[in-house]
Amino acid sequence: MIDFHEISRRLKEVVSHIEQKEKVLDKDIAQALKLDPQYYAVIKRRNKIPYEAIALFCKKNGLSINWILLQQKPKYLT
């Protein structure tokens, strides 16, 4: 099963690299996914994965959605 918290951890890793920030908060992830921070808090509490927002984020940043969702290599698309 796909785990919301694992996906969140990988998104934090990417956002940290993109924004050159050491500490990435949930509001930073919400902003990167173009979601309202309050909505992100709700879906986090409910363990609902925002697939469409993640897909758009991956496309914009050249990331493999398989790596974000399933931790399958490669991390970046070439």
PDB file of N, CA and C in Angstrom:
ATOM      1  N   MET A   1       0.832  -1.182   0.000  1.00  0.00           N
ATOM      2  CA  MET A   1       0.000   0.000   0.000  1.00  0.00           C
ATOM      3  C   MET A   1       0.879   1.249   0.000  1.00  0.00           C
ATOM      4  N   ILE A   2       0.458   2.248  -0.719  1.00  0.00           N
ATOM      5  CA  ILE A   2       1.211   3.492  -0.788  1.00  0.00           C
ATOM      6  C   ILE A   2       0.969   4.282   0.489  1.00  0.00           C
ATOM      7  N   ASP A   3       2.055   4.707   1.127  1.00  0.00           N
ATOM      8  CA  ASP A   3       1.975   5.394   2.412  1.00  0.00           C
ATOM      9  C   ASP A   3       2.144   6.905   2.232  1.00  0.00           C
ATOM     10  N   PHE A   4       1.178   7.665   2.725  1.00  0.00           N
ATOM     11  CA  PHE A   4       1.208   9.119   2.611  1.00  0.00           C
ATOM     12  C   PHE A   4       2.473   9.705   3.232  1.00  0.00           C
ATOM     13  N   HIS A   5       2.877   9.189   4.376  1.00  0.00           N
ATOM     14  CA  HIS A   5       4.021   9.762   5.084  1.00  0.00           C
ATOM     15  C   HIS A   5       5.344   9.499   4.353  1.00  0.00           C
ATOM     16  N   GLU A   6       5.453   8.370   3.677  1.00  0.00           N
ATOM     17  CA  GLU A   6       6.648   8.101   2.875  1.00  0.00           C
ATOM     18  C   GLU A   6       6.697   9.035   1.667  1.00  0.00           C
ATOM     19  N   ILE A   7       5.546   9.245   1.044  1.00  0.00           N
ATOM     20  CA  ILE A   7       5.478  10.171  -0.084  1.00  0.00           C
ATOM     21  C   ILE A   7       5.840  11.577   0.380  1.00  0.00           C
ATOM     22  N   SER A   8       5.325  11.963   1.521  1.00  0.00           N
ATOM     23  CA  SER A   8       5.615  13.282   2.086  1.00  0.00           C
ATOM     24  C   SER A   8       7.107  13.437   2.360  1.00  0.00           C
ATOM     25  N   ARG A   9       7.734  12.381   2.859  1.00  0.00           N
ATOM     26  CA  ARG A   9       9.175  12.423   3.137  1.00  0.00           C
ATOM     27  C   ARG A   9       9.974  12.636   1.852  1.00  0.00           C
ATOM     28  N   ARG A  10       9.592  11.932   0.785  1.00  0.00           N
ATOM     29  CA  ARG A  10      10.298  12.096  -0.493  1.00  0.00           C
ATOM     30  C   ARG A  10      10.039  13.480  -1.095  1.00  0.00           C
ATOM     31  N   LEU A  11       8.808  13.977  -0.953  1.00  0.00           N
ATOM     32  CA  LEU A  11       8.513  15.327  -1.435  1.00  0.00           C
ATOM     33  C   LEU A  11       9.328  16.364  -0.666  1.00  0.00           C
ATOM     34  N   LYS A  12       9.476  16.177   0.640  1.00  0.00           N
ATOM     35  CA  LYS A  12      10.288  17.102   1.445  1.00  0.00           C
ATOM     36  C   LYS A  12      11.732  17.092   0.969  1.00  0.00           C
ATOM     37  N   GLU A  13      12.232  15.921   0.618  1.00  0.00           N
ATOM     38  CA  GLU A  13      13.604  15.804   0.114  1.00  0.00           C
ATOM     39  C   GLU A  13      13.780  16.611  -1.165  1.00  0.00           C
ATOM     40  N   VAL A  14      12.825  16.504  -2.075  1.00  0.00           N
ATOM     41  CA  VAL A  14      12.904  17.217  -3.347  1.00  0.00           C
ATOM     42  C   VAL A  14      12.745  18.719  -3.141  1.00  0.00           C
ATOM     43  N   VAL A  15      11.750  19.116  -2.347  1.00  0.00           N
ATOM     44  CA  VAL A  15      11.517  20.546  -2.097  1.00  0.00           C
ATOM     45  C   VAL A  15      12.723  21.155  -1.393  1.00  0.00           C
ATOM     46  N   SER A  16      13.326  20.425  -0.486  1.00  0.00           N
ATOM     47  CA  SER A  16      14.529  20.906   0.198  1.00  0.00           C
ATOM     48  C   SER A  16      15.650  21.174  -0.805  1.00  0.00           C
ATOM     49  N   HIS A  17      15.801  20.272  -1.753  1.00  0.00           N
ATOM     50  CA  HIS A  17      16.841  20.437  -2.772  1.00  0.00           C
ATOM     51  C   HIS A  17      16.525  21.609  -3.702  1.00  0.00           C
ATOM     52  N   ILE A  18      15.275  21.729  -4.130  1.00  0.00           N
ATOM     53  CA  ILE A  18      14.881  22.779  -5.063  1.00  0.00           C
ATOM     54  C   ILE A  18      15.006  24.163  -4.418  1.00  0.00           C
ATOM     55  N   GLU A  19      14.505  24.293  -3.197  1.00  0.00           N
ATOM     56  CA  GLU A  19      14.472  25.596  -2.531  1.00  0.00           C
ATOM     57  C   GLU A  19      15.710  25.872  -1.679  1.00  0.00           C
ATOM     58  N   GLN A  20      16.646  24.937  -1.642  1.00  0.00           N
ATOM     59  CA  GLN A  20      17.872  25.104  -0.852  1.00  0.00           C
ATOM     60  C   GLN A  20      17.549  25.410   0.614  1.00  0.00           C
ATOM     61  N   LYS A  21      16.573  24.688   1.150  1.00  0.00           N
ATOM     62  CA  LYS A  21      16.188  24.847   2.545  1.00  0.00           C
ATOM     63  C   LYS A  21      16.533  23.570   3.291  1.00  0.00           C
ATOM     64  N   GLU A  22      17.041  23.736   4.489  1.00  0.00           N
ATOM     65  CA  GLU A  22      17.379  22.561   5.283  1.00  0.00           C
ATOM     66  C   GLU A  22      16.131  21.952   5.917  1.00  0.00           C
ATOM     67  N   LYS A  23      15.230  22.808   6.397  1.00  0.00           N
ATOM     68  CA  LYS A  23      14.017  22.326   7.041  1.00  0.00           C
ATOM     69  C   LYS A  23      12.812  22.693   6.174  1.00  0.00           C
ATOM     70  N   VAL A  24      12.079  21.676   5.749  1.00  0.00           N
ATOM     71  CA  VAL A  24      10.901  21.872   4.914  1.00  0.00           C
ATOM     72  C   VAL A  24       9.671  21.506   5.733  1.00  0.00           C
ATOM     73  N   LEU A  25       8.728  22.414   5.767  1.00  0.00           N
ATOM     74  CA  LEU A  25       7.496  22.215   6.530  1.00  0.00           C
ATOM     75  C   LEU A  25       6.372  21.754   5.605  1.00  0.00           C
ATOM     76  N   ASP A  26       5.275  21.329   6.209  1.00  0.00           N
ATOM     77  CA  ASP A  26       4.117  20.905   5.425  1.00  0.00           C
ATOM     78  C   ASP A  26       3.595  22.027   4.538  1.00  0.00           C
ATOM     79  N   LYS A  27       3.667  23.260   5.024  1.00  0.00           N
ATOM     80  CA  LYS A  27       3.189  24.380   4.198  1.00  0.00           C
ATOM     81  C   LYS A  27       4.054  24.545   2.952  1.00  0.00           C
ATOM     82  N   ASP A  28       5.340  24.210   3.039  1.00  0.00           N
ATOM     83  CA  ASP A  28       6.223  24.274   1.872  1.00  0.00           C
ATOM     84  C   ASP A  28       5.840  23.216   0.841  1.00  0.00           C
ATOM     85  N   ILE A  29       5.488  22.027   1.321  1.00  0.00           N
ATOM     86  CA  ILE A  29       5.049  20.971   0.412  1.00  0.00           C
ATOM     87  C   ILE A  29       3.733  21.375  -0.242  1.00  0.00           C
ATOM     88  N   ALA A  30       2.812  21.890   0.558  1.00  0.00           N
ATOM     89  CA  ALA A  30       1.523  22.330   0.018  1.00  0.00           C
ATOM     90  C   ALA A  30       1.734  23.383  -1.064  1.00  0.00           C
ATOM     91  N   GLN A  31       2.616  24.319  -0.810  1.00  0.00           N
ATOM     92  CA  GLN A  31       2.899  25.376  -1.790  1.00  0.00           C
ATOM     93  C   GLN A  31       3.511  24.776  -3.060  1.00  0.00           C
ATOM     94  N   ALA A  32       4.436  23.841  -2.904  1.00  0.00           N
ATOM     95  CA  ALA A  32       5.070  23.215  -4.066  1.00  0.00           C
ATOM     96  C   ALA A  32       4.051  22.437  -4.897  1.00  0.00           C
ATOM     97  N   LEU A  33       3.071  21.829  -4.230  1.00  0.00           N
ATOM     98  CA  LEU A  33       2.032  21.080  -4.925  1.00  0.00           C
ATOM     99  C   LEU A  33       0.883  21.968  -5.392  1.00  0.00           C
ATOM    100  N   LYS A  34       0.980  23.256  -5.076  1.00  0.00           N
ATOM    101  CA  LYS A  34      -0.059  24.233  -5.409  1.00  0.00           C
ATOM    102  C   LYS A  34      -1.396  23.869  -4.756  1.00  0.00           C
ATOM    103  N   LEU A  35      -1.297  23.481  -3.477  1.00  0.00           N
ATOM    104  CA  LEU A  35      -2.471  23.166  -2.676  1.00  0.00           C
ATOM    105  C   LEU A  35      -2.564  24.155  -1.522  1.00  0.00           C
ATOM    106  N   ASP A  36      -3.764  24.392  -1.060  1.00  0.00           N
ATOM    107  CA  ASP A  36      -3.966  25.221   0.117  1.00  0.00           C
ATOM    108  C   ASP A  36      -3.398  24.481   1.331  1.00  0.00           C
ATOM    109  N   PRO A  37      -2.619  25.152   2.179  1.00  0.00           N
ATOM    110  CA  PRO A  37      -2.040  24.479   3.350  1.00  0.00           C
ATOM    111  C   PRO A  37      -3.076  23.822   4.260  1.00  0.00           C
ATOM    112  N   GLN A  38      -4.247  24.423   4.392  1.00  0.00           N
ATOM    113  CA  GLN A  38      -5.299  23.817   5.215  1.00  0.00           C
ATOM    114  C   GLN A  38      -5.823  22.538   4.571  1.00  0.00           C
ATOM    115  N   TYR A  39      -5.963  22.551   3.268  1.00  0.00           N
ATOM    116  CA  TYR A  39      -6.401  21.350   2.552  1.00  0.00           C
ATOM    117  C   TYR A  39      -5.350  20.258   2.697  1.00  0.00           C
ATOM    118  N   TYR A  40      -4.082  20.627   2.590  1.00  0.00           N
ATOM    119  CA  TYR A  40      -3.007  19.647   2.751  1.00  0.00           C
ATOM    120  C   TYR A  40      -3.056  19.024   4.144  1.00  0.00           C
ATOM    121  N   ALA A  41      -3.327  19.826   5.158  1.00  0.00           N
ATOM    122  CA  ALA A  41      -3.429  19.297   6.524  1.00  0.00           C
ATOM    123  C   ALA A  41      -4.574  18.292   6.644  1.00  0.00           C
ATOM    124  N   VAL A  42      -5.678  18.571   5.972  1.00  0.00           N
ATOM    125  CA  VAL A  42      -6.828  17.665   6.006  1.00  0.00           C
ATOM    126  C   VAL A  42      -6.499  16.339   5.323  1.00  0.00           C
ATOM    127  N   ILE A  43      -5.911  16.407   4.123  1.00  0.00           N
ATOM    128  CA  ILE A  43      -5.610  15.158   3.415  1.00  0.00           C
ATOM    129  C   ILE A  43      -4.503  14.382   4.111  1.00  0.00           C
ATOM    130  N   LYS A  44      -3.609  15.078   4.786  1.00  0.00           N
ATOM    131  CA  LYS A  44      -2.569  14.394   5.560  1.00  0.00           C
ATOM    132  C   LYS A  44      -3.205  13.620   6.707  1.00  0.00           C
ATOM    133  N   ARG A  45      -4.129  14.253   7.399  1.00  0.00           N
ATOM    134  CA  ARG A  45      -4.800  13.605   8.520  1.00  0.00           C
ATOM    135  C   ARG A  45      -5.616  12.399   8.047  1.00  0.00           C
ATOM    136  N   ARG A  46      -6.184  12.495   6.856  1.00  0.00           N
ATOM    137  CA  ARG A  46      -7.017  11.416   6.308  1.00  0.00           C
ATOM    138  C   ARG A  46      -6.230  10.399   5.484  1.00  0.00           C
ATOM    139  N   ASN A  47      -4.931  10.615   5.333  1.00  0.00           N
ATOM    140  CA  ASN A  47      -4.069   9.745   4.526  1.00  0.00           C
ATOM    141  C   ASN A  47      -4.532   9.651   3.072  1.00  0.00           C
ATOM    142  N   LYS A  48      -5.002  10.764   2.514  1.00  0.00           N
ATOM    143  CA  LYS A  48      -5.435  10.828   1.119  1.00  0.00           C
ATOM    144  C   LYS A  48      -4.301  11.414   0.288  1.00  0.00           C
ATOM    145  N   ILE A  49      -3.932  10.740  -0.738  1.00  0.00           N
ATOM    146  CA  ILE A  49      -2.801  11.167  -1.560  1.00  0.00           C
ATOM    147  C   ILE A  49      -3.309  12.021  -2.726  1.00  0.00           C
ATOM    148  N   PRO A  50      -2.762  13.242  -2.890  1.00  0.00           N
ATOM    149  CA  PRO A  50      -3.201  14.118  -3.991  1.00  0.00           C
ATOM    150  C   PRO A  50      -2.470  13.764  -5.293  1.00  0.00           C
ATOM    151  N   TYR A  51      -2.923  12.691  -5.934  1.00  0.00           N
ATOM    152  CA  TYR A  51      -2.225  12.160  -7.110  1.00  0.00           C
ATOM    153  C   TYR A  51      -2.052  13.189  -8.223  1.00  0.00           C
ATOM    154  N   GLU A  52      -3.095  13.939  -8.523  1.00  0.00           N
ATOM    155  CA  GLU A  52      -3.008  14.896  -9.624  1.00  0.00           C
ATOM    156  C   GLU A  52      -1.979  15.989  -9.330  1.00  0.00           C
ATOM    157  N   ALA A  53      -1.987  16.510  -8.110  1.00  0.00           N
ATOM    158  CA  ALA A  53      -1.022  17.548  -7.728  1.00  0.00           C
ATOM    159  C   ALA A  53       0.405  16.995  -7.774  1.00  0.00           C
ATOM    160  N   ILE A  54       0.580  15.760  -7.340  1.00  0.00           N
ATOM    161  CA  ILE A  54       1.913  15.143  -7.370  1.00  0.00           C
ATOM    162  C   ILE A  54       2.357  14.928  -8.810  1.00  0.00           C
ATOM    163  N   ALA A  55       1.444  14.490  -9.665  1.00  0.00           N
ATOM    164  CA  ALA A  55       1.785  14.272 -11.075  1.00  0.00           C
ATOM    165  C   ALA A  55       2.230  15.571 -11.741  1.00  0.00           C
ATOM    166  N   LEU A  56       1.522  16.664 -11.480  1.00  0.00           N
ATOM    167  CA  LEU A  56       1.902  17.964 -12.056  1.00  0.00           C
ATOM    168  C   LEU A  56       3.239  18.441 -11.501  1.00  0.00           C
ATOM    169  N   PHE A  57       3.471  18.234 -10.208  1.00  0.00           N
ATOM    170  CA  PHE A  57       4.740  18.608  -9.581  1.00  0.00           C
ATOM    171  C   PHE A  57       5.887  17.825 -10.222  1.00  0.00           C
ATOM    172  N   CYS A  58       5.679  16.521 -10.421  1.00  0.00           N
ATOM    173  CA  CYS A  58       6.713  15.682 -11.029  1.00  0.00           C
ATOM    174  C   CYS A  58       7.016  16.121 -12.457  1.00  0.00           C
ATOM    175  N   LYS A  59       5.971  16.421 -13.203  1.00  0.00           N
ATOM    176  CA  LYS A  59       6.158  16.865 -14.587  1.00  0.00           C
ATOM    177  C   LYS A  59       6.951  18.168 -14.636  1.00  0.00           C
ATOM    178  N   LYS A  60       6.589  19.107 -13.776  1.00  0.00           N
ATOM    179  CA  LYS A  60       7.253  20.416 -13.750  1.00  0.00           C
ATOM    180  C   LYS A  60       8.731  20.297 -13.386  1.00  0.00           C
ATOM    181  N   ASN A  61       9.060  19.365 -12.481  1.00  0.00           N
ATOM    182  CA  ASN A  61      10.429  19.263 -11.970  1.00  0.00           C
ATOM    183  C   ASN A  61      11.224  18.109 -12.557  1.00  0.00           C
ATOM    184  N   GLY A  62      10.676  17.414 -13.549  1.00  0.00           N
ATOM    185  CA  GLY A  62      11.394  16.328 -14.204  1.00  0.00           C
ATOM    186  C   GLY A  62      11.637  15.132 -13.295  1.00  0.00           C
ATOM    187  N   LEU A  63      10.706  14.879 -12.390  1.00  0.00           N
ATOM    188  CA  LEU A  63      10.833  13.767 -11.453  1.00  0.00           C
ATOM    189  C   LEU A  63      10.052  12.562 -11.937  1.00  0.00           C
ATOM    190  N   SER A  64      10.502  11.404 -11.543  1.00  0.00           N
ATOM    191  CA  SER A  64       9.765  10.188 -11.813  1.00  0.00           C
ATOM    192  C   SER A  64       8.667  10.034 -10.768  1.00  0.00           C
ATOM    193  N   ILE A  65       7.427   9.958 -11.221  1.00  0.00           N
ATOM    194  CA  ILE A  65       6.322   9.789 -10.283  1.00  0.00           C
ATOM    195  C   ILE A  65       6.425   8.423  -9.589  1.00  0.00           C
ATOM    196  N   ASN A  66       7.035   7.455 -10.269  1.00  0.00           N
ATOM    197  CA  ASN A  66       7.239   6.148  -9.635  1.00  0.00           C
ATOM    198  C   ASN A  66       8.168   6.263  -8.433  1.00  0.00           C
ATOM    199  N   TRP A  67       9.146   7.155  -8.518  1.00  0.00           N
ATOM    200  CA  TRP A  67      10.037   7.328  -7.368  1.00  0.00           C
ATOM    201  C   TRP A  67       9.285   7.983  -6.213  1.00  0.00           C
ATOM    202  N   ILE A  68       8.480   9.000  -6.499  1.00  0.00           N
ATOM    203  CA  ILE A  68       7.724   9.684  -5.449  1.00  0.00           C
ATOM    204  C   ILE A  68       6.732   8.732  -4.791  1.00  0.00           C
ATOM    205  N   LEU A  69       5.974   7.996  -5.589  1.00  0.00           N
ATOM    206  CA  LEU A  69       4.924   7.148  -5.039  1.00  0.00           C
ATOM    207  C   LEU A  69       5.431   5.812  -4.516  1.00  0.00           C
ATOM    208  N   LEU A  70       6.357   5.194  -5.231  1.00  0.00           N
ATOM    209  CA  LEU A  70       6.754   3.820  -4.929  1.00  0.00           C
ATOM    210  C   LEU A  70       8.226   3.633  -4.602  1.00  0.00           C
ATOM    211  N   GLN A  71       8.990   4.699  -4.645  1.00  0.00           N
ATOM    212  CA  GLN A  71      10.442   4.696  -4.421  1.00  0.00           C
ATOM    213  C   GLN A  71      11.175   3.789  -5.393  1.00  0.00           C
ATOM    214  N   GLN A  72      10.707   3.766  -6.638  1.00  0.00           N
ATOM    215  CA  GLN A  72      11.374   3.010  -7.687  1.00  0.00           C
ATOM    216  C   GLN A  72      12.376   3.914  -8.389  1.00  0.00           C
ATOM    217  N   LYS A  73      13.511   3.385  -8.731  1.00  0.00           N
ATOM    218  CA  LYS A  73      14.545   4.144  -9.426  1.00  0.00           C
ATOM    219  C   LYS A  73      14.123   4.348 -10.874  1.00  0.00           C
ATOM    220  N   PRO A  74      14.538   5.357 -11.560  1.00  0.00           N
ATOM    221  CA  PRO A  74      15.388   6.471 -11.166  1.00  0.00           C
ATOM    222  C   PRO A  74      14.574   7.598 -10.530  1.00  0.00           C
ATOM    223  N   LYS A  75      15.285   8.435  -9.809  1.00  0.00           N
ATOM    224  CA  LYS A  75      14.649   9.560  -9.128  1.00  0.00           C
ATOM    225  C   LYS A  75      14.255  10.642 -10.131  1.00  0.00           C
ATOM    226  N   TYR A  76      15.169  10.967 -11.027  1.00  0.00           N
ATOM    227  CA  TYR A  76      14.920  12.018 -12.016  1.00  0.00           C
ATOM    228  C   TYR A  76      14.798  11.402 -13.406  1.00  0.00           C
ATOM    229  N   LEU A  77      13.980  12.016 -14.231  1.00  0.00           N
ATOM    230  CA  LEU A  77      13.851  11.591 -15.611  1.00  0.00           C
ATOM    231  C   LEU A  77      14.963  12.213 -16.425  1.00  0.00           C
ATOM    232  N   THR A  78      15.412  11.527 -17.439  1.00  0.00           N
ATOM    233  CA  THR A  78      16.476  12.081 -18.282  1.00  0.00           C
ATOM    234  C   THR A  78      15.924  12.485 -19.620  1.00  0.00           C
TER     235      THR A  78
END
